[in-house]
Full PDB file with SEQRES, HELIX, SHEET, SSBOND, CRYST1, ORIGX, SCALE, CONECT and MASTER records, all heavy atoms in Angstrom:
SEQRES   1 A   38  VAL ARG SER TYR PHE LYS ARG ASN PRO ASN TYR TRP LYS          
SEQRES   2 A   38  PRO ASN ARG ALA PHE VAL ASP ALA VAL GLU VAL LEU VAL          
SEQRES   3 A   38  ILE ASN ASP ALA THR ALA ARG THR ASN ALA LEU ILE              
HELIX    1 AA1 ALA A   30  LEU A   37  1                                   8    
SHEET    1 AA1 2 ARG A   2  LYS A   6  0                                        
SHEET    2 AA1 2 ALA A  21  LEU A  25 -1                                        
CRYST1    1.000    1.000    1.000  90.00  90.00  90.00 P 1           1          
ORIGX1      1.000000  0.000000  0.000000        0.00000                         
ORIGX2      0.000000  1.000000  0.000000        0.00000                         
ORIGX3      0.000000  0.000000  1.000000        0.00000                         
SCALE1      1.000000  0.000000  0.000000        0.00000                         
SCALE2      0.000000  1.000000  0.000000        0.00000                         
SCALE3      0.000000  0.000000  1.000000        0.00000                         
ATOM      1  N   VAL A   1     130.586 117.629 145.725  1.00  0.00           N  
ATOM      2  CA  VAL A   1     131.756 117.288 146.555  1.00  0.00           C  
ATOM      3  C   VAL A   1     132.991 117.076 145.709  1.00  0.00           C  
ATOM      4  O   VAL A   1     133.973 117.785 145.828  1.00  0.00           O  
ATOM      5  CB  VAL A   1     131.470 116.035 147.432  1.00  0.00           C  
ATOM      6  CG1 VAL A   1     132.691 115.704 148.272  1.00  0.00           C  
ATOM      7  CG2 VAL A   1     130.252 116.243 148.280  1.00  0.00           C  
ATOM      8  N   ARG A   2     132.964 116.071 144.816  1.00  0.00           N  
ATOM      9  CA  ARG A   2     134.143 115.656 144.087  1.00  0.00           C  
ATOM     10  C   ARG A   2     133.789 114.896 142.858  1.00  0.00           C  
ATOM     11  O   ARG A   2     132.790 114.194 142.804  1.00  0.00           O  
ATOM     12  CB  ARG A   2     135.033 114.806 144.996  1.00  0.00           C  
ATOM     13  CG  ARG A   2     136.271 114.231 144.370  1.00  0.00           C  
ATOM     14  CD  ARG A   2     137.026 113.324 145.333  1.00  0.00           C  
ATOM     15  NE  ARG A   2     138.193 112.717 144.731  1.00  0.00           N  
ATOM     16  CZ  ARG A   2     138.181 111.560 144.070  1.00  0.00           C  
ATOM     17  NH1 ARG A   2     137.042 110.893 143.958  1.00  0.00           N  
ATOM     18  NH2 ARG A   2     139.309 111.068 143.560  1.00  0.00           N  
ATOM     19  N   SER A   3     134.636 115.044 141.831  1.00  0.00           N  
ATOM     20  CA  SER A   3     134.533 114.175 140.639  1.00  0.00           C  
ATOM     21  C   SER A   3     135.918 113.839 140.164  1.00  0.00           C  
ATOM     22  O   SER A   3     136.908 114.585 140.443  1.00  0.00           O  
ATOM     23  CB  SER A   3     133.721 114.834 139.523  1.00  0.00           C  
ATOM     24  OG  SER A   3     134.338 116.038 139.097  1.00  0.00           O  
ATOM     25  N   TYR A   4     136.032 112.737 139.463  1.00  0.00           N  
ATOM     26  CA  TYR A   4     137.344 112.276 138.952  1.00  0.00           C  
ATOM     27  C   TYR A   4     137.111 111.653 137.588  1.00  0.00           C  
ATOM     28  O   TYR A   4     136.366 110.664 137.448  1.00  0.00           O  
ATOM     29  CB  TYR A   4     137.956 111.236 139.915  1.00  0.00           C  
ATOM     30  CG  TYR A   4     139.375 110.894 139.604  1.00  0.00           C  
ATOM     31  CD1 TYR A   4     140.449 111.609 140.105  1.00  0.00           C  
ATOM     32  CD2 TYR A   4     139.672 109.776 138.795  1.00  0.00           C  
ATOM     33  CE1 TYR A   4     141.751 111.262 139.839  1.00  0.00           C  
ATOM     34  CE2 TYR A   4     141.008 109.420 138.525  1.00  0.00           C  
ATOM     35  CZ  TYR A   4     142.035 110.186 139.056  1.00  0.00           C  
ATOM     36  OH  TYR A   4     143.340 109.831 138.773  1.00  0.00           O  
ATOM     37  N   PHE A   5     137.688 112.256 136.542  1.00  0.00           N  
ATOM     38  CA  PHE A   5     137.485 111.789 135.178  1.00  0.00           C  
ATOM     39  C   PHE A   5     138.857 111.478 134.564  1.00  0.00           C  
ATOM     40  O   PHE A   5     139.807 112.260 134.723  1.00  0.00           O  
ATOM     41  CB  PHE A   5     136.770 112.812 134.338  1.00  0.00           C  
ATOM     42  CG  PHE A   5     135.447 113.261 134.908  1.00  0.00           C  
ATOM     43  CD1 PHE A   5     135.040 114.580 134.780  1.00  0.00           C  
ATOM     44  CD2 PHE A   5     134.609 112.385 135.569  1.00  0.00           C  
ATOM     45  CE1 PHE A   5     133.802 115.012 135.303  1.00  0.00           C  
ATOM     46  CE2 PHE A   5     133.381 112.765 136.076  1.00  0.00           C  
ATOM     47  CZ  PHE A   5     132.980 114.100 135.949  1.00  0.00           C  
ATOM     48  N   LYS A   6     138.962 110.386 133.829  1.00  0.00           N  
ATOM     49  CA  LYS A   6     140.206 109.945 133.217  1.00  0.00           C  
ATOM     50  C   LYS A   6     140.293 110.373 131.743  1.00  0.00           C  
ATOM     51  O   LYS A   6     139.284 110.467 131.096  1.00  0.00           O  
ATOM     52  CB  LYS A   6     140.376 108.448 133.345  1.00  0.00           C  
ATOM     53  CG  LYS A   6     140.489 107.943 134.779  1.00  0.00           C  
ATOM     54  CD  LYS A   6     140.651 106.447 134.848  1.00  0.00           C  
ATOM     55  CE  LYS A   6     140.807 105.950 136.267  1.00  0.00           C  
ATOM     56  NZ  LYS A   6     140.918 104.466 136.342  1.00  0.00           N  
ATOM     57  N   ARG A   7     141.503 110.558 131.292  1.00  0.00           N  
ATOM     58  CA  ARG A   7     141.747 110.987 129.916  1.00  0.00           C  
ATOM     59  C   ARG A   7     141.195 109.991 128.912  1.00  0.00           C  
ATOM     60  O   ARG A   7     141.301 108.775 129.066  1.00  0.00           O  
ATOM     61  CB  ARG A   7     143.245 111.184 129.669  1.00  0.00           C  
ATOM     62  CG  ARG A   7     143.586 111.680 128.276  1.00  0.00           C  
ATOM     63  CD  ARG A   7     145.091 111.897 128.127  1.00  0.00           C  
ATOM     64  NE  ARG A   7     145.392 112.347 126.785  1.00  0.00           N  
ATOM     65  CZ  ARG A   7     145.615 111.529 125.749  1.00  0.00           C  
ATOM     66  NH1 ARG A   7     145.575 110.221 125.959  1.00  0.00           N  
ATOM     67  NH2 ARG A   7     145.882 112.012 124.560  1.00  0.00           N  
ATOM     68  N   ASN A   8     140.531 110.510 127.881  1.00  0.00           N  
ATOM     69  CA  ASN A   8     140.027 109.712 126.775  1.00  0.00           C  
ATOM     70  C   ASN A   8     141.162 109.449 125.801  1.00  0.00           C  
ATOM     71  O   ASN A   8     141.614 110.386 125.117  1.00  0.00           O  
ATOM     72  CB  ASN A   8     138.886 110.475 126.103  1.00  0.00           C  
ATOM     73  CG  ASN A   8     138.373 109.756 124.859  1.00  0.00           C  
ATOM     74  OD1 ASN A   8     138.731 108.626 124.561  1.00  0.00           O  
ATOM     75  ND2 ASN A   8     137.494 110.421 124.125  1.00  0.00           N  
ATOM     76  N   PRO A   9     141.665 108.222 125.678  1.00  0.00           N  
ATOM     77  CA  PRO A   9     142.806 107.975 124.813  1.00  0.00           C  
ATOM     78  C   PRO A   9     142.504 108.126 123.317  1.00  0.00           C  
ATOM     79  O   PRO A   9     143.409 108.212 122.495  1.00  0.00           O  
ATOM     80  CB  PRO A   9     143.201 106.522 125.150  1.00  0.00           C  
ATOM     81  CG  PRO A   9     141.926 105.902 125.623  1.00  0.00           C  
ATOM     82  CD  PRO A   9     141.199 107.022 126.340  1.00  0.00           C  
ATOM     83  N   ASN A  10     141.233 108.171 122.984  1.00  0.00           N  
ATOM     84  CA  ASN A  10     140.796 108.257 121.604  1.00  0.00           C  
ATOM     85  C   ASN A  10     140.160 109.571 121.249  1.00  0.00           C  
ATOM     86  O   ASN A  10     139.299 109.656 120.345  1.00  0.00           O  
ATOM     87  CB  ASN A  10     139.840 107.089 121.253  1.00  0.00           C  
ATOM     88  CG  ASN A  10     140.466 105.720 121.522  1.00  0.00           C  
ATOM     89  OD1 ASN A  10     141.573 105.451 121.093  1.00  0.00           O  
ATOM     90  ND2 ASN A  10     139.735 104.896 122.249  1.00  0.00           N  
ATOM     91  N   TYR A  11     140.532 110.627 122.001  1.00  0.00           N  
ATOM     92  CA  TYR A  11     139.890 111.903 121.801  1.00  0.00           C  
ATOM     93  C   TYR A  11     140.130 112.451 120.390  1.00  0.00           C  
ATOM     94  O   TYR A  11     141.278 112.404 119.891  1.00  0.00           O  
ATOM     95  CB  TYR A  11     140.409 112.916 122.828  1.00  0.00           C  
ATOM     96  CG  TYR A  11     139.565 114.160 122.958  1.00  0.00           C  
ATOM     97  CD1 TYR A  11     138.189 114.117 122.751  1.00  0.00           C  
ATOM     98  CD2 TYR A  11     140.135 115.382 123.279  1.00  0.00           C  
ATOM     99  CE1 TYR A  11     137.410 115.270 122.891  1.00  0.00           C  
ATOM    100  CE2 TYR A  11     139.376 116.531 123.426  1.00  0.00           C  
ATOM    101  CZ  TYR A  11     138.011 116.457 123.206  1.00  0.00           C  
ATOM    102  OH  TYR A  11     137.241 117.615 123.332  1.00  0.00           O  
ATOM    103  N   TRP A  12     139.107 112.962 119.764  1.00  0.00           N  
ATOM    104  CA  TRP A  12     139.182 113.339 118.353  1.00  0.00           C  
ATOM    105  C   TRP A  12     139.813 114.675 118.107  1.00  0.00           C  
ATOM    106  O   TRP A  12     140.239 114.994 117.002  1.00  0.00           O  
ATOM    107  CB  TRP A  12     137.763 113.350 117.763  1.00  0.00           C  
ATOM    108  CG  TRP A  12     136.807 114.317 118.429  1.00  0.00           C  
ATOM    109  CD1 TRP A  12     136.063 114.073 119.529  1.00  0.00           C  
ATOM    110  CD2 TRP A  12     136.522 115.644 118.020  1.00  0.00           C  
ATOM    111  NE1 TRP A  12     135.303 115.188 119.853  1.00  0.00           N  
ATOM    112  CE2 TRP A  12     135.564 116.157 118.930  1.00  0.00           C  
ATOM    113  CE3 TRP A  12     136.976 116.462 116.979  1.00  0.00           C  
ATOM    114  CZ2 TRP A  12     135.068 117.453 118.824  1.00  0.00           C  
ATOM    115  CZ3 TRP A  12     136.460 117.718 116.858  1.00  0.00           C  
ATOM    116  CH2 TRP A  12     135.530 118.228 117.779  1.00  0.00           C  
ATOM    117  N   LYS A  13     139.911 115.528 119.143  1.00  0.00           N  
ATOM    118  CA  LYS A  13     140.516 116.848 118.946  1.00  0.00           C  
ATOM    119  C   LYS A  13     142.045 116.729 119.016  1.00  0.00           C  
ATOM    120  O   LYS A  13     142.574 116.214 120.012  1.00  0.00           O  
ATOM    121  CB  LYS A  13     140.071 117.841 119.994  1.00  0.00           C  
ATOM    122  CG  LYS A  13     138.600 118.279 119.923  1.00  0.00           C  
ATOM    123  CD  LYS A  13     138.348 119.366 120.926  1.00  0.00           C  
ATOM    124  CE  LYS A  13     136.883 119.726 121.012  1.00  0.00           C  
ATOM    125  NZ  LYS A  13     136.615 120.792 121.970  1.00  0.00           N  
ATOM    126  N   PRO A  14     142.745 117.244 118.049  1.00  0.00           N  
ATOM    127  CA  PRO A  14     144.205 117.204 118.107  1.00  0.00           C  
ATOM    128  C   PRO A  14     144.710 118.222 119.162  1.00  0.00           C  
ATOM    129  O   PRO A  14     144.129 119.276 119.348  1.00  0.00           O  
ATOM    130  CB  PRO A  14     144.652 117.603 116.715  1.00  0.00           C  
ATOM    131  CG  PRO A  14     143.492 118.443 116.182  1.00  0.00           C  
ATOM    132  CD  PRO A  14     142.267 117.839 116.783  1.00  0.00           C  
ATOM    133  N   ASN A  15     145.795 117.830 119.844  1.00  0.00           N  
ATOM    134  CA  ASN A  15     146.411 118.747 120.836  1.00  0.00           C  
ATOM    135  C   ASN A  15     145.439 119.230 121.883  1.00  0.00           C  
ATOM    136  O   ASN A  15     145.365 120.414 122.217  1.00  0.00           O  
ATOM    137  CB  ASN A  15     147.023 119.948 120.103  1.00  0.00           C  
ATOM    138  CG  ASN A  15     148.102 119.520 119.132  1.00  0.00           C  
ATOM    139  OD1 ASN A  15     148.927 118.676 119.447  1.00  0.00           O  
ATOM    140  ND2 ASN A  15     148.055 120.079 117.935  1.00  0.00           N  
ATOM    141  N   ARG A  16     144.679 118.301 122.439  1.00  0.00           N  
ATOM    142  CA  ARG A  16     143.808 118.592 123.562  1.00  0.00           C  
ATOM    143  C   ARG A  16     143.821 117.424 124.533  1.00  0.00           C  
ATOM    144  O   ARG A  16     144.221 116.312 124.160  1.00  0.00           O  
ATOM    145  CB  ARG A  16     142.332 118.801 123.063  1.00  0.00           C  
ATOM    146  CG  ARG A  16     142.167 120.075 122.255  1.00  0.00           C  
ATOM    147  CD  ARG A  16     142.253 121.322 123.121  1.00  0.00           C  
ATOM    148  NE  ARG A  16     141.964 122.539 122.385  1.00  0.00           N  
ATOM    149  CZ  ARG A  16     142.892 123.269 121.780  1.00  0.00           C  
ATOM    150  NH1 ARG A  16     144.149 122.899 121.814  1.00  0.00           N  
ATOM    151  NH2 ARG A  16     142.541 124.372 121.139  1.00  0.00           N  
ATOM    152  N   ALA A  17     143.350 117.641 125.762  1.00  0.00           N  
ATOM    153  CA  ALA A  17     143.286 116.623 126.816  1.00  0.00           C  
ATOM    154  C   ALA A  17     144.668 116.042 127.059  1.00  0.00           C  
ATOM    155  O   ALA A  17     144.937 114.878 126.793  1.00  0.00           O  
ATOM    156  CB  ALA A  17     142.292 115.533 126.442  1.00  0.00           C  
ATOM    157  N   PHE A  18     145.526 116.850 127.689  1.00  0.00           N  
ATOM    158  CA  PHE A  18     146.932 116.455 127.920  1.00  0.00           C  
ATOM    159  C   PHE A  18     147.094 115.653 129.210  1.00  0.00           C  
ATOM    160  O   PHE A  18     147.969 114.795 129.311  1.00  0.00           O  
ATOM    161  CB  PHE A  18     147.810 117.707 127.943  1.00  0.00           C  
ATOM    162  CG  PHE A  18     147.739 118.522 126.691  1.00  0.00           C  
ATOM    163  CD1 PHE A  18     147.015 119.707 126.653  1.00  0.00           C  
ATOM    164  CD2 PHE A  18     148.361 118.099 125.531  1.00  0.00           C  
ATOM    165  CE1 PHE A  18     146.947 120.467 125.498  1.00  0.00           C  
ATOM    166  CE2 PHE A  18     148.282 118.849 124.365  1.00  0.00           C  
ATOM    167  CZ  PHE A  18     147.577 120.030 124.353  1.00  0.00           C  
ATOM    168  N   VAL A  19     146.337 116.000 130.230  1.00  0.00           N  
ATOM    169  CA  VAL A  19     146.563 115.359 131.552  1.00  0.00           C  
ATOM    170  C   VAL A  19     145.896 113.995 131.577  1.00  0.00           C  
ATOM    171  O   VAL A  19     144.949 113.692 130.860  1.00  0.00           O  
ATOM    172  CB  VAL A  19     146.025 116.248 132.696  1.00  0.00           C  
ATOM    173  CG1 VAL A  19     146.770 117.574 132.741  1.00  0.00           C  
ATOM    174  CG2 VAL A  19     144.516 116.474 132.579  1.00  0.00           C  
ATOM    175  N   ASP A  20     146.438 113.134 132.483  1.00  0.00           N  
ATOM    176  CA  ASP A  20     145.923 111.777 132.580  1.00  0.00           C  
ATOM    177  C   ASP A  20     144.527 111.745 133.200  1.00  0.00           C  
ATOM    178  O   ASP A  20     143.720 110.844 132.908  1.00  0.00           O  
ATOM    179  CB  ASP A  20     146.849 110.914 133.408  1.00  0.00           C  
ATOM    180  CG  ASP A  20     148.188 110.655 132.730  1.00  0.00           C  
ATOM    181  OD1 ASP A  20     148.236 110.667 131.484  1.00  0.00           O  
ATOM    182  OD2 ASP A  20     149.199 110.461 133.423  1.00  0.00           O  
ATOM    183  N   ALA A  21     144.264 112.706 134.062  1.00  0.00           N  
ATOM    184  CA  ALA A  21     142.937 112.739 134.746  1.00  0.00           C  
ATOM    185  C   ALA A  21     142.710 114.134 135.287  1.00  0.00           C  
ATOM    186  O   ALA A  21     143.656 114.914 135.456  1.00  0.00           O  
ATOM    187  CB  ALA A  21     142.889 111.709 135.888  1.00  0.00           C  
ATOM    188  N   VAL A  22     141.433 114.407 135.572  1.00  0.00           N  
ATOM    189  CA  VAL A  22     141.041 115.692 136.184  1.00  0.00           C  
ATOM    190  C   VAL A  22     140.252 115.373 137.453  1.00  0.00           C  
ATOM    191  O   VAL A  22     139.284 114.572 137.400  1.00  0.00           O  
ATOM    192  CB  VAL A  22     140.192 116.555 135.244  1.00  0.00           C  
ATOM    193  CG1 VAL A  22     139.820 117.850 135.927  1.00  0.00           C  
ATOM    194  CG2 VAL A  22     140.893 116.797 133.935  1.00  0.00           C  
ATOM    195  N   GLU A  23     140.658 115.985 138.543  1.00  0.00           N  
ATOM    196  CA  GLU A  23     139.911 115.873 139.785  1.00  0.00           C  
ATOM    197  C   GLU A  23     139.322 117.221 140.124  1.00  0.00           C  
ATOM    198  O   GLU A  23     140.013 118.221 140.165  1.00  0.00           O  
ATOM    199  CB  GLU A  23     140.811 115.377 140.932  1.00  0.00           C  
ATOM    200  CG  GLU A  23     140.037 115.197 142.230  1.00  0.00           C  
ATOM    201  CD  GLU A  23     140.931 114.672 143.338  1.00  0.00           C  
ATOM    202  OE1 GLU A  23     142.187 114.763 143.238  1.00  0.00           O  
ATOM    203  OE2 GLU A  23     140.381 114.152 144.350  1.00  0.00           O  
ATOM    204  N   VAL A  24     138.028 117.271 140.335  1.00  0.00           N  
ATOM    205  CA  VAL A  24     137.313 118.488 140.716  1.00  0.00           C  
ATOM    206  C   VAL A  24     136.913 118.394 142.167  1.00  0.00           C  
ATOM    207  O   VAL A  24     136.218 117.457 142.553  1.00  0.00           O  
ATOM    208  CB  VAL A  24     136.084 118.750 139.827  1.00  0.00           C  
ATOM    209  CG1 VAL A  24     135.318 119.960 140.316  1.00  0.00           C  
ATOM    210  CG2 VAL A  24     136.469 118.917 138.362  1.00  0.00           C  
ATOM    211  N   LEU A  25     137.365 119.345 142.956  1.00  0.00           N  
ATOM    212  CA  LEU A  25     136.937 119.453 144.351  1.00  0.00           C  
ATOM    213  C   LEU A  25     136.063 120.682 144.484  1.00  0.00           C  
ATOM    214  O   LEU A  25     136.466 121.793 144.142  1.00  0.00           O  
ATOM    215  CB  LEU A  25     138.170 119.599 145.277  1.00  0.00           C  
ATOM    216  CG  LEU A  25     139.192 118.465 145.220  1.00  0.00           C  
ATOM    217  CD1 LEU A  25     140.401 118.811 146.079  1.00  0.00           C  
ATOM    218  CD2 LEU A  25     138.555 117.141 145.674  1.00  0.00           C  
ATOM    219  N   VAL A  26     134.828 120.484 144.942  1.00  0.00           N  
ATOM    220  CA  VAL A  26     133.902 121.578 145.105  1.00  0.00           C  
ATOM    221  C   VAL A  26     134.245 122.308 146.430  1.00  0.00           C  
ATOM    222  O   VAL A  26     134.120 121.708 147.508  1.00  0.00           O  
ATOM    223  CB  VAL A  26     132.440 121.124 145.106  1.00  0.00           C  
ATOM    224  CG1 VAL A  26     131.496 122.295 145.345  1.00  0.00           C  
ATOM    225  CG2 VAL A  26     132.110 120.450 143.780  1.00  0.00           C  
ATOM    226  N   ILE A  27     134.677 123.563 146.317  1.00  0.00           N  
ATOM    227  CA  ILE A  27     135.030 124.365 147.478  1.00  0.00           C  
ATOM    228  C   ILE A  27     134.349 125.715 147.322  1.00  0.00           C  
ATOM    229  O   ILE A  27     134.890 126.636 146.729  1.00  0.00           O  
ATOM    230  CB  ILE A  27     136.571 124.571 147.582  1.00  0.00           C  
ATOM    231  CG1 ILE A  27     137.310 123.219 147.439  1.00  0.00           C  
ATOM    232  CG2 ILE A  27     136.929 125.203 148.923  1.00  0.00           C  
ATOM    233  CD1 ILE A  27     138.825 123.353 147.373  1.00  0.00           C  
ATOM    234  N   ASN A  28     133.142 125.798 147.845  1.00  0.00           N  
ATOM    235  CA  ASN A  28     132.358 127.016 147.639  1.00  0.00           C  
ATOM    236  C   ASN A  28     132.852 128.195 148.458  1.00  0.00           C  
ATOM    237  O   ASN A  28     132.644 129.357 148.073  1.00  0.00           O  
ATOM    238  CB  ASN A  28     130.879 126.739 147.927  1.00  0.00           C  
ATOM    239  CG  ASN A  28     130.233 125.916 146.852  1.00  0.00           C  
ATOM    240  OD1 ASN A  28     130.473 126.096 145.657  1.00  0.00           O  
ATOM    241  ND2 ASN A  28     129.384 124.953 147.249  1.00  0.00           N  
ATOM    242  N   ASP A  29     133.503 127.939 149.573  1.00  0.00           N  
ATOM    243  CA  ASP A  29     133.988 129.009 150.413  1.00  0.00           C  
ATOM    244  C   ASP A  29     135.222 129.622 149.813  1.00  0.00           C  
ATOM    245  O   ASP A  29     136.205 128.918 149.494  1.00  0.00           O  
ATOM    246  CB  ASP A  29     134.300 128.482 151.821  1.00  0.00           C  
ATOM    247  CG  ASP A  29     134.828 129.563 152.728  1.00  0.00           C  
ATOM    248  OD1 ASP A  29     133.988 130.332 153.243  1.00  0.00           O  
ATOM    249  OD2 ASP A  29     136.047 129.645 152.933  1.00  0.00           O  
ATOM    250  N   ALA A  30     135.217 130.953 149.594  1.00  0.00           N  
ATOM    251  CA  ALA A  30     136.288 131.623 148.895  1.00  0.00           C  
ATOM    252  C   ALA A  30     137.614 131.490 149.645  1.00  0.00           C  
ATOM    253  O   ALA A  30     138.700 131.303 149.019  1.00  0.00           O  
ATOM    254  CB  ALA A  30     135.959 133.093 148.659  1.00  0.00           C  
ATOM    255  N   THR A  31     137.598 131.639 150.957  1.00  0.00           N  
ATOM    256  CA  THR A  31     138.851 131.546 151.745  1.00  0.00           C  
ATOM    257  C   THR A  31     139.440 130.148 151.661  1.00  0.00           C  
ATOM    258  O   THR A  31     140.646 129.980 151.466  1.00  0.00           O  
ATOM    259  CB  THR A  31     138.583 131.931 153.214  1.00  0.00           C  
ATOM    260  OG1 THR A  31     138.042 133.272 153.257  1.00  0.00           O  
ATOM    261  CG2 THR A  31     139.823 131.851 154.011  1.00  0.00           C  
ATOM    262  N   ALA A  32     138.574 129.144 151.811  1.00  0.00           N  
ATOM    263  CA  ALA A  32     139.039 127.781 151.728  1.00  0.00           C  
ATOM    264  C   ALA A  32     139.613 127.451 150.358  1.00  0.00           C  
ATOM    265  O   ALA A  32     140.606 126.741 150.202  1.00  0.00           O  
ATOM    266  CB  ALA A  32     137.919 126.804 152.093  1.00  0.00           C  
ATOM    267  N   ARG A  33     138.961 127.979 149.338  1.00  0.00           N  
ATOM    268  CA  ARG A  33     139.390 127.760 147.957  1.00  0.00           C  
ATOM    269  C   ARG A  33     140.763 128.372 147.730  1.00  0.00           C  
ATOM    270  O   ARG A  33     141.667 127.758 147.127  1.00  0.00           O  
ATOM    271  CB  ARG A  33     138.363 128.353 146.990  1.00  0.00           C  
ATOM    272  CG  ARG A  33     138.413 127.859 145.602  1.00  0.00           C  
ATOM    273  CD  ARG A  33     137.134 128.140 144.848  1.00  0.00           C  
ATOM    274  NE  ARG A  33     136.797 129.548 144.736  1.00  0.00           N  
ATOM    275  CZ  ARG A  33     135.810 130.133 145.366  1.00  0.00           C  
ATOM    276  NH1 ARG A  33     135.029 129.436 146.206  1.00  0.00           N  
ATOM    277  NH2 ARG A  33     135.506 131.419 145.191  1.00  0.00           N  
ATOM    278  N   THR A  34     140.930 129.594 148.193  1.00  0.00           N  
ATOM    279  CA  THR A  34     142.230 130.279 148.092  1.00  0.00           C  
ATOM    280  C   THR A  34     143.339 129.552 148.839  1.00  0.00           C  
ATOM    281  O   THR A  34     144.451 129.349 148.297  1.00  0.00           O  
ATOM    282  CB  THR A  34     142.118 131.722 148.619  1.00  0.00           C  
ATOM    283  OG1 THR A  34     141.094 132.402 147.886  1.00  0.00           O  
ATOM    284  CG2 THR A  34     143.421 132.462 148.450  1.00  0.00           C  
ATOM    285  N   ASN A  35     143.037 129.086 150.033  1.00  0.00           N  
ATOM    286  CA  ASN A  35     144.031 128.360 150.824  1.00  0.00           C  
ATOM    287  C   ASN A  35     144.419 127.027 150.159  1.00  0.00           C  
ATOM    288  O   ASN A  35     145.566 126.603 150.235  1.00  0.00           O  
ATOM    289  CB  ASN A  35     143.511 128.107 152.232  1.00  0.00           C  
ATOM    290  CG  ASN A  35     143.457 129.373 153.078  1.00  0.00           C  
ATOM    291  OD1 ASN A  35     144.173 130.342 152.801  1.00  0.00           O  
ATOM    292  ND2 ASN A  35     142.600 129.389 154.102  1.00  0.00           N  
ATOM    293  N   ALA A  36     143.435 126.395 149.506  1.00  0.00           N  
ATOM    294  CA  ALA A  36     143.718 125.134 148.780  1.00  0.00           C  
ATOM    295  C   ALA A  36     144.732 125.370 147.679  1.00  0.00           C  
ATOM    296  O   ALA A  36     145.608 124.510 147.414  1.00  0.00           O  
ATOM    297  CB  ALA A  36     142.439 124.558 148.270  1.00  0.00           C  
ATOM    298  N   LEU A  37     144.628 126.504 147.015  1.00  0.00           N  
ATOM    299  CA  LEU A  37     145.572 126.832 145.941  1.00  0.00           C  
ATOM    300  C   LEU A  37     146.965 127.151 146.529  1.00  0.00           C  
ATOM    301  O   LEU A  37     147.987 126.649 146.055  1.00  0.00           O  
ATOM    302  CB  LEU A  37     145.071 128.001 145.131  1.00  0.00           C  
ATOM    303  CG  LEU A  37     145.994 128.491 144.010  1.00  0.00           C  
ATOM    304  CD1 LEU A  37     146.144 127.426 142.917  1.00  0.00           C  
ATOM    305  CD2 LEU A  37     145.483 129.811 143.431  1.00  0.00           C  
ATOM    306  N   ILE A  38     146.995 127.992 147.539  1.00  0.00           N  
ATOM    307  CA  ILE A  38     148.284 128.387 148.111  1.00  0.00           C  
ATOM    308  C   ILE A  38     149.049 127.209 148.688  1.00  0.00           C  
ATOM    309  O   ILE A  38     150.261 127.105 148.565  1.00  0.00           O  
ATOM    310  CB  ILE A  38     148.045 129.468 149.203  1.00  0.00           C  
ATOM    311  CG1 ILE A  38     147.501 130.768 148.576  1.00  0.00           C  
ATOM    312  CG2 ILE A  38     149.339 129.758 149.950  1.00  0.00           C  
ATOM    313  CD1 ILE A  38     147.064 131.786 149.582  1.00  0.00           C  
TER     314      ILE A  38                                                      
MASTER        0    0    0    1    2    0    0    6  313    1    0    3          
END                                                                             
């Protein structure tokens, strides 16, 4: 369904993980997925 992960402030890779958080919405239907983007 959904996940929400917050940025790791101590990430060891330089110049990675720029956003404050990532939200994943599971949208298996191709039409619904496309409409969500548009």
